[in-house]
Amino acid sequence: MIRWRKLGKVFDPKDLTTKSWMYEFAQSPSVLVSDTQVRVFFCSRPAPSPDGQYLSYISFVDLDHNNLHSILRICEQPVLELGKCGTFDEFGTYPVSVIRDGNEVRAYYAGWTRCESVPFNAAIGLAISLDNGETFKRLGDGPVLSYTPDEPFLLGSPRIRKFNGHWQIWYVAGKEWTMVDGKPEPVYKIRMATSDNGIDWVKHGKDLIADKLGAQECQACPDVIYRNGRYHMFFSYRDIRNYKGREGGYRIGYAVSADMLDWRRDDDAIDISISETGWDSEMVNYPNVFELNGATYMLYQGNGMGRAGFGLAILESEDAWGQA
């Protein structure tokens, strides 16, 4: 059993006592560790428009190396503006995944555009920072990973990693839109693409993770680390119905692979589930695993798909990786 011990909530914009552009949501936490702090990027939203529509922007908080519940700084304004009129990221940047590459910090994110027949569509963009993540400039007005004949629907939930000198991005690809209780809902599965430069991608064209809840299970935000000669994936999954609450809400799953292409799903091998009460009592999702000061941590978002903020867990035993 890979046991994670929860350490509690870290950040929620609704808990702020000072004025901020962030109204609610702290979604898709992604860590960038430096010598001076742990910077956690995430996606947040100003107050909705009168018609109830939200915009989503990339933000960050800086945490103390020695106390990850101690917030040193809160982002004063979004680090990336939304896209131009008509572009793929005109209405939102969410989720986000960051990685350091030399003197650059790269942010891979899903850009959202609103639609008529379905609520939204999404593709994956890239923005680059030369000031340690204070500000980002998008590579261009279009995405770096978008729809293709075999992936005609939304693409999103990117998690970026670099193993053996090559770039890997895990993402979700929409399989279909289906009507649920009179509303169109997407079904999406985890896939992977590889690259030599992190810009030009080769898709591998297959769903990686077996379904647990049936063909309409939705999978999201797969984060992969390498331990003891194998690759370990932590991802989110949910039902297509009642997914905004406890009954069908997101849970964290697990899979292991020797080559990053063929994965064996084993959700029973990990121990991190919803709490009895509180901010993560309905769902746990969108994990990001990182190392700090000799320990392994997981950031994850809670209820309402991040509406209740994000929190932290610590891996209790390093021996767990040899047993999975």
Protein backbone atom coordinates (compact mmCIF):
# COMPACT_ATOMS: atom_id res chain seq x y z
CA MET A 1 0.00 0.00 0.00
CA ILE A 2 1.29 3.45 -0.99
CA ARG A 3 0.08 5.42 2.01
CA TRP A 4 -0.40 9.16 1.94
CA ARG A 5 -1.01 11.08 5.16
CA LYS A 6 -3.07 14.22 4.72
CA LEU A 7 -1.58 17.44 6.11
CA GLY A 8 -4.59 19.69 5.57
CA LYS A 9 -5.63 22.52 3.30
CA VAL A 10 -2.95 24.95 2.16
CA PHE A 11 -4.75 27.67 0.21
CA ASP A 12 -8.24 28.83 -0.70
CA PRO A 13 -8.89 32.35 -2.09
CA LYS A 14 -12.12 32.50 -0.10
CA ASP A 15 -10.05 32.45 3.11
CA LEU A 16 -8.17 35.64 2.21
CA THR A 17 -8.77 38.59 4.51
CA THR A 18 -7.14 41.13 2.18
CA LYS A 19 -8.38 42.34 -1.20
CA SER A 20 -7.48 40.12 -4.14
CA TRP A 21 -8.42 39.67 -7.79
CA MET A 22 -9.08 36.00 -6.94
CA TYR A 23 -12.69 35.39 -5.97
CA GLU A 24 -12.74 31.60 -5.66
CA PHE A 25 -11.18 28.36 -6.95
CA ALA A 26 -7.58 27.19 -6.55
CA GLN A 27 -7.35 24.46 -9.18
CA SER A 28 -4.69 22.19 -10.60
CA PRO A 29 -1.77 22.94 -8.23
CA SER A 30 1.63 22.53 -9.87
CA VAL A 31 4.91 22.95 -7.99
CA LEU A 32 8.11 24.75 -8.93
CA VAL A 33 10.82 24.31 -6.29
CA SER A 34 13.61 26.89 -6.03
CA ASP A 35 16.34 27.66 -3.51
CA THR A 36 14.23 30.31 -1.79
CA GLN A 37 10.66 29.00 -1.86
CA VAL A 38 8.17 26.48 -3.18
CA ARG A 39 6.05 28.25 -5.79
CA VAL A 40 2.68 26.62 -6.41
CA PHE A 41 0.96 27.62 -9.62
CA PHE A 42 -2.77 27.06 -9.88
CA CYS A 43 -5.83 28.40 -11.67
CA SER A 44 -8.21 30.85 -10.04
CA ARG A 45 -11.21 32.93 -11.04
CA PRO A 46 -12.46 36.47 -10.45
CA ALA A 47 -16.12 36.92 -9.57
CA PRO A 48 -18.47 35.65 -12.30
CA SER A 49 -20.19 37.96 -14.76
CA PRO A 50 -23.89 38.81 -14.24
CA ASP A 51 -24.86 35.84 -16.43
CA GLY A 52 -22.87 33.46 -14.21
CA GLN A 53 -19.95 32.93 -16.60
CA TYR A 54 -16.43 32.59 -15.17
CA LEU A 55 -12.99 33.38 -16.56
CA SER A 56 -9.98 31.40 -15.35
CA TYR A 57 -6.42 32.70 -14.92
CA ILE A 58 -3.07 31.27 -13.80
CA SER A 59 -1.92 32.40 -10.37
CA PHE A 60 0.61 31.33 -7.70
CA VAL A 61 1.47 31.34 -4.02
CA ASP A 62 4.96 31.03 -2.55
CA LEU A 63 5.36 28.61 0.36
CA ASP A 64 8.12 28.31 2.96
CA HIS A 65 10.56 25.44 2.30
CA ASN A 66 10.46 24.41 5.94
CA ASN A 67 6.72 24.86 6.48
CA LEU A 68 4.51 24.29 3.48
CA HIS A 69 1.54 25.74 5.30
CA SER A 70 3.32 29.08 5.64
CA ILE A 71 2.42 31.36 2.73
CA LEU A 72 5.18 33.86 1.99
CA ARG A 73 3.54 35.64 -0.92
CA ILE A 74 0.32 35.65 -2.92
CA CYS A 75 0.24 36.50 -6.62
CA GLU A 76 -0.85 40.11 -7.06
CA GLN A 77 -2.23 39.63 -10.58
CA PRO A 78 -2.54 36.82 -13.14
CA VAL A 79 0.78 35.74 -14.62
CA LEU A 80 -0.69 35.31 -18.12
CA GLU A 81 -3.38 37.30 -19.87
CA LEU A 82 -6.18 35.50 -21.66
CA GLY A 83 -5.98 35.01 -25.40
CA LYS A 84 -7.17 37.37 -28.10
CA CYS A 85 -10.71 37.41 -29.40
CA GLY A 86 -11.42 34.18 -31.23
CA THR A 87 -8.37 32.28 -29.97
CA PHE A 88 -8.44 28.92 -28.20
CA ASP A 89 -7.75 30.43 -24.75
CA GLU A 90 -9.98 33.49 -24.92
CA PHE A 91 -12.07 32.51 -21.89
CA GLY A 92 -9.80 30.53 -19.63
CA THR A 93 -6.46 28.93 -18.82
CA TYR A 94 -7.07 25.77 -16.80
CA PRO A 95 -5.57 23.34 -15.85
CA VAL A 96 -1.86 24.24 -15.73
CA SER A 97 1.40 22.32 -15.32
CA VAL A 98 4.81 23.97 -14.95
CA ILE A 99 8.40 22.81 -15.47
CA ARG A 100 11.81 24.45 -15.35
CA ASP A 101 14.00 24.20 -18.48
CA GLY A 102 17.32 26.00 -18.15
CA ASN A 103 16.59 29.69 -17.57
CA GLU A 104 12.96 29.25 -18.64
CA VAL A 105 9.85 28.22 -16.78
CA ARG A 106 7.31 26.64 -19.09
CA ALA A 107 3.60 26.52 -18.37
CA TYR A 108 1.50 24.03 -20.32
CA TYR A 109 -2.18 24.73 -19.92
CA ALA A 110 -5.59 23.96 -21.35
CA GLY A 111 -7.09 26.97 -23.10
CA TRP A 112 -10.89 27.23 -23.07
CA THR A 113 -13.28 28.68 -25.59
CA ARG A 114 -17.06 28.81 -25.26
CA CYS A 115 -19.27 26.97 -27.71
CA GLU A 116 -22.92 26.85 -28.72
CA SER A 117 -23.84 23.17 -29.04
CA VAL A 118 -21.66 22.14 -26.06
CA PRO A 119 -20.48 24.37 -23.19
CA PHE A 120 -16.80 24.57 -24.17
CA ASN A 121 -13.87 23.22 -26.12
CA ALA A 122 -10.22 23.12 -25.13
CA ALA A 123 -6.71 22.64 -26.51
CA ILE A 124 -3.26 22.75 -24.91
CA GLY A 125 -1.09 25.86 -25.07
CA LEU A 126 2.41 26.80 -23.98
CA ALA A 127 3.58 29.98 -22.27
CA ILE A 128 7.18 30.75 -21.27
CA SER A 129 8.59 32.80 -18.40
CA LEU A 130 12.08 34.29 -18.26
CA ASP A 131 11.63 35.80 -14.78
CA ASN A 132 11.16 32.64 -12.68
CA GLY A 133 7.41 32.50 -13.20
CA GLU A 134 6.52 36.09 -12.35
CA THR A 135 5.10 36.65 -15.83
CA PHE A 136 4.54 34.44 -18.87
CA LYS A 137 4.33 35.07 -22.59
CA ARG A 138 2.52 32.54 -24.77
CA LEU A 139 4.49 30.89 -27.55
CA GLY A 140 1.87 32.02 -30.05
CA ASP A 141 -1.83 32.61 -30.43
CA GLY A 142 -2.53 28.95 -31.17
CA PRO A 143 -2.09 25.73 -29.18
CA VAL A 144 0.88 23.35 -29.30
CA LEU A 145 -1.40 20.32 -28.94
CA SER A 146 -4.78 20.43 -30.60
CA TYR A 147 -7.54 18.42 -32.25
CA THR A 148 -6.69 15.85 -34.91
CA PRO A 149 -8.78 13.41 -36.96
CA ASP A 150 -8.47 10.73 -34.27
CA GLU A 151 -8.86 13.22 -31.37
CA PRO A 152 -11.64 15.50 -32.63
CA PHE A 153 -12.91 16.75 -29.27
CA LEU A 154 -11.42 18.64 -26.36
CA LEU A 155 -7.82 18.20 -25.19
CA GLY A 156 -6.82 19.24 -21.68
CA SER A 157 -5.49 18.39 -18.20
CA PRO A 158 -1.81 18.49 -19.24
CA ARG A 159 0.91 17.27 -16.89
CA ILE A 160 4.43 17.85 -18.17
CA ARG A 161 7.53 15.82 -17.28
CA LYS A 162 10.98 15.24 -18.75
CA PHE A 163 12.58 11.79 -18.51
CA ASN A 164 15.82 10.59 -20.14
CA GLY A 165 16.30 13.88 -21.98
CA HIS A 166 12.90 13.71 -23.70
CA TRP A 167 9.69 15.58 -23.03
CA GLN A 168 6.52 13.72 -22.07
CA ILE A 169 3.10 15.24 -21.70
CA TRP A 170 0.15 13.34 -20.33
CA TYR A 171 -3.20 14.83 -21.21
CA VAL A 172 -6.83 13.90 -21.71
CA ALA A 173 -8.60 13.58 -25.04
CA GLY A 174 -12.34 13.77 -25.42
CA LYS A 175 -14.01 10.63 -26.72
CA GLU A 176 -17.53 11.98 -27.15
CA TRP A 177 -20.16 14.36 -25.87
CA THR A 178 -23.18 12.57 -24.46
CA MET A 179 -26.47 13.84 -23.07
CA VAL A 180 -26.85 13.37 -19.31
CA ASP A 181 -30.04 14.64 -17.69
CA GLY A 182 -30.68 16.85 -20.68
CA LYS A 183 -27.19 18.44 -20.76
CA PRO A 184 -24.14 17.57 -22.91
CA GLU A 185 -21.29 16.07 -20.88
CA PRO A 186 -17.82 15.13 -22.18
CA VAL A 187 -16.17 11.73 -21.79
CA TYR A 188 -12.36 11.94 -21.76
CA LYS A 189 -9.44 9.52 -21.31
CA ILE A 190 -5.73 9.80 -20.51
CA ARG A 191 -3.23 9.81 -23.37
CA MET A 192 0.43 10.74 -23.91
CA ALA A 193 2.60 12.61 -26.41
CA THR A 194 6.40 12.92 -26.63
CA SER A 195 8.74 15.58 -27.96
CA ASP A 196 12.40 16.42 -28.42
CA ASN A 197 11.88 20.13 -27.75
CA GLY A 198 8.63 20.42 -25.79
CA ILE A 199 6.96 22.24 -28.69
CA ASP A 200 6.55 19.76 -31.55
CA TRP A 201 4.65 16.75 -30.23
CA VAL A 202 4.10 13.19 -31.43
CA LYS A 203 0.87 11.73 -30.09
CA HIS A 204 0.88 8.04 -29.24
CA GLY A 205 -2.78 7.69 -30.11
CA LYS A 206 -4.16 5.34 -27.48
CA ASP A 207 -6.00 5.46 -24.17
CA LEU A 208 -3.56 4.50 -21.43
CA ILE A 209 -5.69 3.65 -18.39
CA ALA A 210 -8.33 0.93 -18.17
CA ASP A 211 -11.81 2.02 -17.04
CA LYS A 212 -13.05 1.24 -13.55
CA LEU A 213 -16.49 2.86 -13.68
CA GLY A 214 -17.39 1.80 -17.21
CA ALA A 215 -16.91 3.26 -20.67
CA GLN A 216 -18.18 6.70 -19.61
CA GLU A 217 -15.67 7.10 -16.78
CA CYS A 218 -13.84 10.43 -17.04
CA GLN A 219 -10.11 10.51 -16.29
CA ALA A 220 -8.03 13.63 -15.76
CA CYS A 221 -4.75 15.26 -14.76
CA PRO A 222 -2.29 12.32 -14.74
CA ASP A 223 0.99 13.04 -12.94
CA VAL A 224 3.90 10.64 -13.43
CA ILE A 225 7.06 10.10 -11.37
CA TYR A 226 9.90 7.58 -11.66
CA ARG A 227 10.83 5.38 -8.70
CA ASN A 228 12.61 2.03 -8.33
CA GLY A 229 12.85 1.33 -12.06
CA ARG A 230 9.20 2.02 -12.87
CA TYR A 231 6.89 4.89 -13.69
CA HIS A 232 4.08 5.66 -11.27
CA MET A 233 0.99 7.59 -12.33
CA PHE A 234 -1.43 9.35 -10.02
CA PHE A 235 -4.56 10.57 -11.77
CA SER A 236 -8.16 11.62 -11.19
CA TYR A 237 -11.28 9.73 -12.22
CA ARG A 238 -15.01 10.26 -11.79
CA ASP A 239 -18.42 9.13 -12.91
CA ILE A 240 -20.26 11.00 -15.64
CA ARG A 241 -23.23 11.55 -13.29
CA ASN A 242 -23.44 13.28 -9.92
CA TYR A 243 -19.79 14.27 -10.21
CA LYS A 244 -20.12 17.65 -8.51
CA GLY A 245 -20.70 16.04 -5.11
CA ARG A 246 -19.61 13.15 -2.94
CA GLU A 247 -21.44 10.38 -4.79
CA GLY A 248 -19.81 10.63 -8.21
CA GLY A 249 -17.02 13.13 -7.51
CA TYR A 250 -13.38 12.73 -8.40
CA ARG A 251 -11.10 10.25 -6.67
CA ILE A 252 -7.36 9.64 -7.10
CA GLY A 253 -6.31 6.51 -8.99
CA TYR A 254 -2.95 4.86 -9.53
CA ALA A 255 -1.17 2.95 -12.29
CA VAL A 256 2.36 1.61 -12.83
CA SER A 257 4.40 1.09 -16.02
CA ALA A 258 7.84 0.00 -17.14
CA ASP A 259 7.83 2.03 -20.37
CA MET A 260 5.22 4.84 -19.97
CA LEU A 261 3.06 3.30 -22.72
CA ASP A 262 1.59 0.16 -21.15
CA TRP A 263 0.04 0.79 -17.74
CA ARG A 264 -1.40 -1.52 -15.09
CA ARG A 265 -4.12 0.20 -13.08
CA ASP A 266 -4.22 -0.64 -9.37
CA ASP A 267 -6.25 1.91 -7.40
CA ASP A 268 -6.25 -0.39 -4.37
CA ALA A 269 -2.48 0.10 -4.05
CA ILE A 270 -2.84 3.68 -2.79
CA ASP A 271 -4.44 5.08 0.31
CA ILE A 272 -5.72 8.62 -0.19
CA SER A 273 -9.45 9.15 -0.23
CA ILE A 274 -12.06 11.66 0.80
CA SER A 275 -12.28 12.86 4.40
CA GLU A 276 -15.29 12.42 6.63
CA THR A 277 -15.88 16.16 6.80
CA GLY A 278 -14.33 19.37 5.56
CA TRP A 279 -12.84 20.82 2.40
CA ASP A 280 -12.01 17.44 0.79
CA SER A 281 -14.95 15.37 2.03
CA GLU A 282 -16.61 15.16 -1.41
CA MET A 283 -13.65 14.71 -3.75
CA VAL A 284 -9.85 14.48 -3.99
CA ASN A 285 -8.35 15.18 -7.40
CA TYR A 286 -5.74 16.74 -9.72
CA PRO A 287 -2.64 15.49 -7.86
CA ASN A 288 0.89 16.84 -8.32
CA VAL A 289 3.71 14.85 -6.71
CA PHE A 290 7.06 16.45 -5.81
CA GLU A 291 10.10 15.97 -3.59
CA LEU A 292 11.37 18.39 -0.96
CA ASN A 293 13.87 18.04 1.88
CA GLY A 294 14.02 14.27 1.50
CA ALA A 295 10.25 13.77 1.60
CA THR A 296 7.66 13.11 -1.12
CA TYR A 297 4.54 15.26 -1.14
CA MET A 298 1.31 15.41 -3.08
CA LEU A 299 -0.68 18.57 -3.68
CA TYR A 300 -4.30 18.01 -4.64
CA GLN A 301 -7.52 19.97 -4.97
CA GLY A 302 -10.66 19.29 -2.97
CA ASN A 303 -14.42 19.77 -3.12
CA GLY A 304 -16.07 21.44 -6.07
CA MET A 305 -13.12 20.58 -8.33
CA GLY A 306 -10.94 23.11 -6.54
CA ARG A 307 -13.63 25.52 -5.42
CA ALA A 308 -12.59 24.63 -1.84
CA GLY A 309 -8.88 25.17 -2.55
CA PHE A 310 -5.93 22.78 -2.53
CA GLY A 311 -4.17 20.83 0.18
CA LEU A 312 -1.17 18.66 0.92
CA ALA A 313 -0.33 15.05 1.73
CA ILE A 314 2.97 13.35 2.51
CA LEU A 315 4.12 9.87 1.50
CA GLU A 316 4.48 7.89 4.71
CA SER A 317 6.90 5.18 3.56
CA GLU A 318 9.54 5.11 0.83
CA ASP A 319 9.32 1.29 0.88
CA ALA A 320 5.90 1.57 -0.73
CA TRP A 321 7.35 2.00 -4.20
CA GLY A 322 8.92 -1.45 -4.12
CA GLN A 323 5.62 -3.07 -3.19
CA ALA A 324 3.30 -1.57 -5.80
